[in-house]
PDB file of N, CA and C in Angstrom:
ATOM      1  N   MET A   1       0.848  -1.178   0.000  1.00  0.00           N
ATOM      2  CA  MET A   1       0.000   0.000   0.000  1.00  0.00           C
ATOM      3  C   MET A   1       0.887   1.231   0.000  1.00  0.00           C
ATOM      4  N   ARG A   2       0.428   2.217  -0.721  1.00  0.00           N
ATOM      5  CA  ARG A   2       1.160   3.480  -0.764  1.00  0.00           C
ATOM      6  C   ARG A   2       0.154   4.606  -0.899  1.00  0.00           C
ATOM      7  N   ASP A   3       0.247   5.576  -0.031  1.00  0.00           N
ATOM      8  CA  ASP A   3      -0.668   6.729  -0.036  1.00  0.00           C
ATOM      9  C   ASP A   3      -2.135   6.290   0.009  1.00  0.00           C
ATOM     10  N   GLY A   4      -2.411   5.238   0.762  1.00  0.00           N
ATOM     11  CA  GLY A   4      -3.775   4.768   0.909  1.00  0.00           C
ATOM     12  C   GLY A   4      -4.301   3.974  -0.268  1.00  0.00           C
ATOM     13  N   ALA A   5      -3.435   3.646  -1.221  1.00  0.00           N
ATOM     14  CA  ALA A   5      -3.858   2.886  -2.400  1.00  0.00           C
ATOM     15  C   ALA A   5      -3.095   1.573  -2.462  1.00  0.00           C
ATOM     16  N   LEU A   6      -3.755   0.572  -2.947  1.00  0.00           N
ATOM     17  CA  LEU A   6      -3.143  -0.735  -3.135  1.00  0.00           C
ATOM     18  C   LEU A   6      -2.700  -0.841  -4.587  1.00  0.00           C
ATOM     19  N   LYS A   7      -1.429  -1.153  -4.808  1.00  0.00           N
ATOM     20  CA  LYS A   7      -0.924  -1.259  -6.166  1.00  0.00           C
ATOM     21  C   LYS A   7      -0.877  -2.733  -6.553  1.00  0.00           C
ATOM     22  N   LEU A   8      -1.537  -3.060  -7.653  1.00  0.00           N
ATOM     23  CA  LEU A   8      -1.595  -4.436  -8.156  1.00  0.00           C
ATOM     24  C   LEU A   8      -1.205  -4.456  -9.619  1.00  0.00           C
ATOM     25  N   ALA A   9      -0.632  -5.561 -10.048  1.00  0.00           N
ATOM     26  CA  ALA A   9      -0.345  -5.767 -11.459  1.00  0.00           C
ATOM     27  C   ALA A   9      -1.209  -6.924 -11.946  1.00  0.00           C
ATOM     28  N   LEU A  10      -1.955  -6.684 -13.001  1.00  0.00           N
ATOM     29  CA  LEU A  10      -2.835  -7.701 -13.561  1.00  0.00           C
ATOM     30  C   LEU A  10      -2.321  -8.149 -14.919  1.00  0.00           C
ATOM     31  N   ARG A  11      -2.525  -9.407 -15.216  1.00  0.00           N
ATOM     32  CA  ARG A  11      -2.117  -9.920 -16.520  1.00  0.00           C
ATOM     33  C   ARG A  11      -3.250  -9.885 -17.534  1.00  0.00           C
ATOM     34  N   GLY A  12      -4.459  -9.758 -17.059  1.00  0.00           N
ATOM     35  CA  GLY A  12      -5.613  -9.738 -17.960  1.00  0.00           C
ATOM     36  C   GLY A  12      -5.618  -8.485 -18.819  1.00  0.00           C
ATOM     37  N   PRO A  13      -5.987  -8.628 -20.085  1.00  0.00           N
ATOM     38  CA  PRO A  13      -6.038  -7.454 -20.959  1.00  0.00           C
ATOM     39  C   PRO A  13      -7.172  -6.519 -20.565  1.00  0.00           C
ATOM     40  N   SER A  14      -7.019  -5.268 -20.915  1.00  0.00           N
ATOM     41  CA  SER A  14      -8.049  -4.278 -20.581  1.00  0.00           C
ATOM     42  C   SER A  14      -9.114  -4.202 -21.673  1.00  0.00           C
ATOM     43  N   ILE A  15      -9.325  -5.303 -22.343  1.00  0.00           N
ATOM     44  CA  ILE A  15     -10.304  -5.374 -23.434  1.00  0.00           C
ATOM     45  C   ILE A  15     -11.617  -5.923 -22.885  1.00  0.00           C
ATOM     46  N   ASP A  16     -12.717  -5.274 -23.230  1.00  0.00           N
ATOM     47  CA  ASP A  16     -14.058  -5.742 -22.854  1.00  0.00           C
ATOM     48  C   ASP A  16     -14.222  -6.001 -21.355  1.00  0.00           C
ATOM     49  N   GLY A  17     -13.567  -5.203 -20.528  1.00  0.00           N
ATOM     50  CA  GLY A  17     -13.736  -5.326 -19.085  1.00  0.00           C
ATOM     51  C   GLY A  17     -13.021  -6.495 -18.441  1.00  0.00           C
ATOM     52  N   LEU A  18     -12.127  -7.175 -19.170  1.00  0.00           N
ATOM     53  CA  LEU A  18     -11.432  -8.334 -18.603  1.00  0.00           C
ATOM     54  C   LEU A  18     -10.507  -7.940 -17.450  1.00  0.00           C
ATOM     55  N   ALA A  19      -9.907  -6.765 -17.525  1.00  0.00           N
ATOM     56  CA  ALA A  19      -9.048  -6.317 -16.420  1.00  0.00           C
ATOM     57  C   ALA A  19      -9.888  -6.060 -15.174  1.00  0.00           C
ATOM     58  N   HIS A  20     -11.071  -5.481 -15.352  1.00  0.00           N
ATOM     59  CA  HIS A  20     -11.974  -5.256 -14.217  1.00  0.00           C
ATOM     60  C   HIS A  20     -12.343  -6.584 -13.571  1.00  0.00           C
ATOM     61  N   THR A  21     -12.714  -7.547 -14.400  1.00  0.00           N
ATOM     62  CA  THR A  21     -13.110  -8.860 -13.898  1.00  0.00           C
ATOM     63  C   THR A  21     -11.954  -9.527 -13.158  1.00  0.00           C
ATOM     64  N   ALA A  22     -10.752  -9.441 -13.713  1.00  0.00           N
ATOM     65  CA  ALA A  22      -9.580 -10.041 -13.077  1.00  0.00           C
ATOM     66  C   ALA A  22      -9.296  -9.375 -11.733  1.00  0.00           C
ATOM     67  N   LEU A  23      -9.432  -8.054 -11.676  1.00  0.00           N
ATOM     68  CA  LEU A  23      -9.196  -7.331 -10.423  1.00  0.00           C
ATOM     69  C   LEU A  23     -10.206  -7.730  -9.352  1.00  0.00           C
ATOM     70  N   ILE A  24     -11.465  -7.769  -9.704  1.00  0.00           N
ATOM     71  CA  ILE A  24     -12.496  -8.126  -8.730  1.00  0.00           C
ATOM     72  C   ILE A  24     -12.319  -9.570  -8.264  1.00  0.00           C
ATOM     73  N   LYS A  25     -11.990 -10.478  -9.185  1.00  0.00           N
ATOM     74  CA  LYS A  25     -11.749 -11.875  -8.802  1.00  0.00           C
ATOM     75  C   LYS A  25     -10.590 -11.992  -7.812  1.00  0.00           C
ATOM     76  N   LEU A  26      -9.513 -11.280  -8.105  1.00  0.00           N
ATOM     77  CA  LEU A  26      -8.336 -11.317  -7.234  1.00  0.00           C
ATOM     78  C   LEU A  26      -8.664 -10.767  -5.855  1.00  0.00           C
ATOM     79  N   LEU A  27      -9.302  -9.615  -5.803  1.00  0.00           N
ATOM     80  CA  LEU A  27      -9.644  -9.017  -4.509  1.00  0.00           C
ATOM     81  C   LEU A  27     -10.611  -9.901  -3.721  1.00  0.00           C
ATOM     82  N   ALA A  28     -11.614 -10.432  -4.394  1.00  0.00           N
ATOM     83  CA  ALA A  28     -12.601 -11.280  -3.710  1.00  0.00           C
ATOM     84  C   ALA A  28     -11.946 -12.530  -3.140  1.00  0.00           C
ATOM     85  N   LYS A  29     -11.046 -13.114  -3.881  1.00  0.00           N
ATOM     86  CA  LYS A  29     -10.374 -14.331  -3.421  1.00  0.00           C
ATOM     87  C   LYS A  29      -9.456 -14.050  -2.233  1.00  0.00           C
ATOM     88  N   ARG A  30      -8.634 -13.021  -2.352  1.00  0.00           N
ATOM     89  CA  ARG A  30      -7.652 -12.725  -1.296  1.00  0.00           C
ATOM     90  C   ARG A  30      -8.278 -12.101  -0.052  1.00  0.00           C
ATOM     91  N   LEU A  31      -9.341 -11.321  -0.243  1.00  0.00           N
ATOM     92  CA  LEU A  31      -9.939 -10.606   0.885  1.00  0.00           C
ATOM     93  C   LEU A  31     -11.223 -11.256   1.377  1.00  0.00           C
ATOM     94  N   VAL A  32     -11.625 -12.341   0.751  1.00  0.00           N
ATOM     95  CA  VAL A  32     -12.773 -13.156   1.146  1.00  0.00           C
ATOM     96  C   VAL A  32     -14.061 -12.325   1.233  1.00  0.00           C
ATOM     97  N   PHE A  33     -14.546 -11.914   0.076  1.00  0.00           N
ATOM     98  CA  PHE A  33     -15.852 -11.277   0.006  1.00  0.00           C
ATOM     99  C   PHE A  33     -16.509 -11.664  -1.317  1.00  0.00           C
ATOM    100  N   SER A  34     -17.767 -11.378  -1.443  1.00  0.00           N
ATOM    101  CA  SER A  34     -18.539 -11.776  -2.609  1.00  0.00           C
ATOM    102  C   SER A  34     -18.264 -10.871  -3.803  1.00  0.00           C
ATOM    103  N   ARG A  35     -18.013 -11.476  -4.939  1.00  0.00           N
ATOM    104  CA  ARG A  35     -17.820 -10.692  -6.165  1.00  0.00           C
ATOM    105  C   ARG A  35     -19.105  -9.978  -6.573  1.00  0.00           C
ATOM    106  N   ARG A  36     -20.247 -10.547  -6.204  1.00  0.00           N
ATOM    107  CA  ARG A  36     -21.534  -9.941  -6.588  1.00  0.00           C
ATOM    108  C   ARG A  36     -21.773  -8.604  -5.895  1.00  0.00           C
ATOM    109  N   THR A  37     -21.121  -8.364  -4.768  1.00  0.00           N
ATOM    110  CA  THR A  37     -21.325  -7.103  -4.042  1.00  0.00           C
ATOM    111  C   THR A  37     -20.225  -6.089  -4.337  1.00  0.00           C
ATOM    112  N   THR A  38     -19.433  -6.364  -5.372  1.00  0.00           N
ATOM    113  CA  THR A  38     -18.318  -5.498  -5.720  1.00  0.00           C
ATOM    114  C   THR A  38     -18.485  -4.982  -7.137  1.00  0.00           C
ATOM    115  N   GLU A  39     -18.185  -3.709  -7.315  1.00  0.00           N
ATOM    116  CA  GLU A  39     -18.278  -3.127  -8.651  1.00  0.00           C
ATOM    117  C   GLU A  39     -17.152  -2.137  -8.865  1.00  0.00           C
ATOM    118  N   MET A  40     -16.755  -1.981 -10.107  1.00  0.00           N
ATOM    119  CA  MET A  40     -15.767  -0.982 -10.459  1.00  0.00           C
ATOM    120  C   MET A  40     -16.498   0.351 -10.589  1.00  0.00           C
ATOM    121  N   ILE A  41     -16.016   1.372  -9.892  1.00  0.00           N
ATOM    122  CA  ILE A  41     -16.690   2.667  -9.930  1.00  0.00           C
ATOM    123  C   ILE A  41     -15.891   3.732 -10.666  1.00  0.00           C
ATOM    124  N   HIS A  42     -14.633   3.409 -10.997  1.00  0.00           N
ATOM    125  CA  HIS A  42     -13.802   4.376 -11.714  1.00  0.00           C
ATOM    126  C   HIS A  42     -12.673   3.623 -12.407  1.00  0.00           C
ATOM    127  N   GLY A  43     -12.297   4.072 -13.583  1.00  0.00           N
ATOM    128  CA  GLY A  43     -11.115   3.546 -14.231  1.00  0.00           C
ATOM    129  C   GLY A  43     -11.341   2.757 -15.499  1.00  0.00           C
ATOM    130  N   ASP A  44     -12.460   2.972 -16.161  1.00  0.00           N
ATOM    131  CA  ASP A  44     -12.705   2.231 -17.408  1.00  0.00           C
ATOM    132  C   ASP A  44     -11.577   2.411 -18.419  1.00  0.00           C
ATOM    133  N   ALA A  45     -11.099   3.618 -18.560  1.00  0.00           N
ATOM    134  CA  ALA A  45     -10.057   3.908 -19.558  1.00  0.00           C
ATOM    135  C   ALA A  45      -8.759   4.339 -18.898  1.00  0.00           C
ATOM    136  N   SER A  46      -8.530   3.910 -17.671  1.00  0.00           N
ATOM    137  CA  SER A  46      -7.366   4.361 -16.921  1.00  0.00           C
ATOM    138  C   SER A  46      -6.693   3.180 -16.240  1.00  0.00           C
ATOM    139  N   ARG A  47      -5.405   3.332 -15.981  1.00  0.00           N
ATOM    140  CA  ARG A  47      -4.699   2.300 -15.219  1.00  0.00           C
ATOM    141  C   ARG A  47      -5.072   2.374 -13.739  1.00  0.00           C
ATOM    142  N   LEU A  48      -5.545   3.524 -13.292  1.00  0.00           N
ATOM    143  CA  LEU A  48      -6.001   3.708 -11.918  1.00  0.00           C
ATOM    144  C   LEU A  48      -7.459   3.285 -11.832  1.00  0.00           C
ATOM    145  N   LYS A  49      -7.726   2.304 -11.000  1.00  0.00           N
ATOM    146  CA  LYS A  49      -9.082   1.772 -10.890  1.00  0.00           C
ATOM    147  C   LYS A  49      -9.563   1.915  -9.453  1.00  0.00           C
ATOM    148  N   ARG A  50     -10.864   2.077  -9.299  1.00  0.00           N
ATOM    149  CA  ARG A  50     -11.472   2.134  -7.971  1.00  0.00           C
ATOM    150  C   ARG A  50     -12.604   1.137  -7.925  1.00  0.00           C
ATOM    151  N   ALA A  51     -12.609   0.366  -6.853  1.00  0.00           N
ATOM    152  CA  ALA A  51     -13.657  -0.640  -6.676  1.00  0.00           C
ATOM    153  C   ALA A  51     -14.454  -0.315  -5.420  1.00  0.00           C
ATOM    154  N   LEU A  52     -15.727  -0.647  -5.456  1.00  0.00           N
ATOM    155  CA  LEU A  52     -16.605  -0.468  -4.305  1.00  0.00           C
ATOM    156  C   LEU A  52     -17.086  -1.844  -3.865  1.00  0.00           C
ATOM    157  N   CYS A  53     -16.847  -2.156  -2.602  1.00  0.00           N
ATOM    158  CA  CYS A  53     -17.314  -3.415  -2.027  1.00  0.00           C
ATOM    159  C   CYS A  53     -18.369  -3.069  -0.994  1.00  0.00           C
ATOM    160  N   SER A  54     -19.619  -3.338  -1.314  1.00  0.00           N
ATOM    161  CA  SER A  54     -20.716  -2.866  -0.476  1.00  0.00           C
ATOM    162  C   SER A  54     -20.995  -3.734   0.749  1.00  0.00           C
ATOM    163  N   ASP A  55     -20.363  -4.910   0.863  1.00  0.00           N
ATOM    164  CA  ASP A  55     -20.660  -5.743   2.030  1.00  0.00           C
ATOM    165  C   ASP A  55     -19.599  -5.680   3.124  1.00  0.00           C
ATOM    166  N   LEU A  56     -18.610  -4.785   2.987  1.00  0.00           N
ATOM    167  CA  LEU A  56     -17.590  -4.618   4.020  1.00  0.00           C
ATOM    168  C   LEU A  56     -17.496  -3.152   4.431  1.00  0.00           C
ATOM    169  N   SER A  57     -17.277  -2.934   5.718  1.00  0.00           N
ATOM    170  CA  SER A  57     -17.016  -1.572   6.178  1.00  0.00           C
ATOM    171  C   SER A  57     -15.581  -1.202   5.803  1.00  0.00           C
ATOM    172  N   PHE A  58     -15.269   0.064   5.837  1.00  0.00           N
ATOM    173  CA  PHE A  58     -13.910   0.513   5.535  1.00  0.00           C
ATOM    174  C   PHE A  58     -12.913  -0.151   6.467  1.00  0.00           C
ATOM    175  N   THR A  59     -13.230  -0.202   7.761  1.00  0.00           N
ATOM    176  CA  THR A  59     -12.314  -0.781   8.747  1.00  0.00           C
ATOM    177  C   THR A  59     -12.078  -2.264   8.467  1.00  0.00           C
ATOM    178  N   GLU A  60     -13.144  -2.997   8.168  1.00  0.00           N
ATOM    179  CA  GLU A  60     -13.006  -4.427   7.871  1.00  0.00           C
ATOM    180  C   GLU A  60     -12.186  -4.650   6.602  1.00  0.00           C
ATOM    181  N   LEU A  61     -12.432  -3.854   5.584  1.00  0.00           N
ATOM    182  CA  LEU A  61     -11.666  -3.968   4.342  1.00  0.00           C
ATOM    183  C   LEU A  61     -10.192  -3.662   4.593  1.00  0.00           C
ATOM    184  N   LYS A  62      -9.926  -2.624   5.346  1.00  0.00           N
ATOM    185  CA  LYS A  62      -8.541  -2.247   5.673  1.00  0.00           C
ATOM    186  C   LYS A  62      -7.844  -3.368   6.436  1.00  0.00           C
ATOM    187  N   ASN A  63      -8.523  -3.950   7.416  1.00  0.00           N
ATOM    188  CA  ASN A  63      -7.941  -5.058   8.188  1.00  0.00           C
ATOM    189  C   ASN A  63      -7.641  -6.258   7.294  1.00  0.00           C
ATOM    190  N   ARG A  64      -8.565  -6.574   6.396  1.00  0.00           N
ATOM    191  CA  ARG A  64      -8.349  -7.715   5.485  1.00  0.00           C
ATOM    192  C   ARG A  64      -7.204  -7.455   4.515  1.00  0.00           C
ATOM    193  N   LEU A  65      -7.092  -6.213   4.037  1.00  0.00           N
ATOM    194  CA  LEU A  65      -5.976  -5.847   3.170  1.00  0.00           C
ATOM    195  C   LEU A  65      -4.648  -6.003   3.902  1.00  0.00           C
ATOM    196  N   GLU A  66      -4.585  -5.510   5.125  1.00  0.00           N
ATOM    197  CA  GLU A  66      -3.347  -5.613   5.901  1.00  0.00           C
ATOM    198  C   GLU A  66      -2.984  -7.077   6.147  1.00  0.00           C
ATOM    199  N   ASP A  67      -3.965  -7.904   6.467  1.00  0.00           N
ATOM    200  CA  ASP A  67      -3.723  -9.332   6.681  1.00  0.00           C
ATOM    201  C   ASP A  67      -3.218  -9.995   5.400  1.00  0.00           C
ATOM    202  N   ALA A  68      -3.831  -9.663   4.268  1.00  0.00           N
ATOM    203  CA  ALA A  68      -3.441 -10.260   2.984  1.00  0.00           C
ATOM    204  C   ALA A  68      -2.038  -9.840   2.577  1.00  0.00           C
ATOM    205  N   LEU A  69      -1.662  -8.606   2.890  1.00  0.00           N
ATOM    206  CA  LEU A  69      -0.343  -8.123   2.526  1.00  0.00           C
ATOM    207  C   LEU A  69       0.776  -8.729   3.375  1.00  0.00           C
ATOM    208  N   ARG A  70       0.420  -9.233   4.546  1.00  0.00           N
ATOM    209  CA  ARG A  70       1.411  -9.882   5.408  1.00  0.00           C
ATOM    210  C   ARG A  70       1.787 -11.272   4.909  1.00  0.00           C
ATOM    211  N   CYS A  71       0.933 -11.869   4.109  1.00  0.00           N
ATOM    212  CA  CYS A  71       1.173 -13.239   3.608  1.00  0.00           C
ATOM    213  C   CYS A  71       2.230 -13.286   2.560  1.00  0.00           C
TER     214      CYS A  71
END
């Protein structure tokens, strides 16, 4: 994490939303939450992406991120 942002590298192409799908799959798997409650809210044409996970509080998401980064 840097400046409150998580930096990830994805191998999926940014064609037809495949990068979005790959990002959500990765986050859901590592942070243990439902992909159905997650959506991309920014970054369709940008390398900077923002995701919204509606079933976790900010504190819970932050704790899960910190735990995942320790592994």
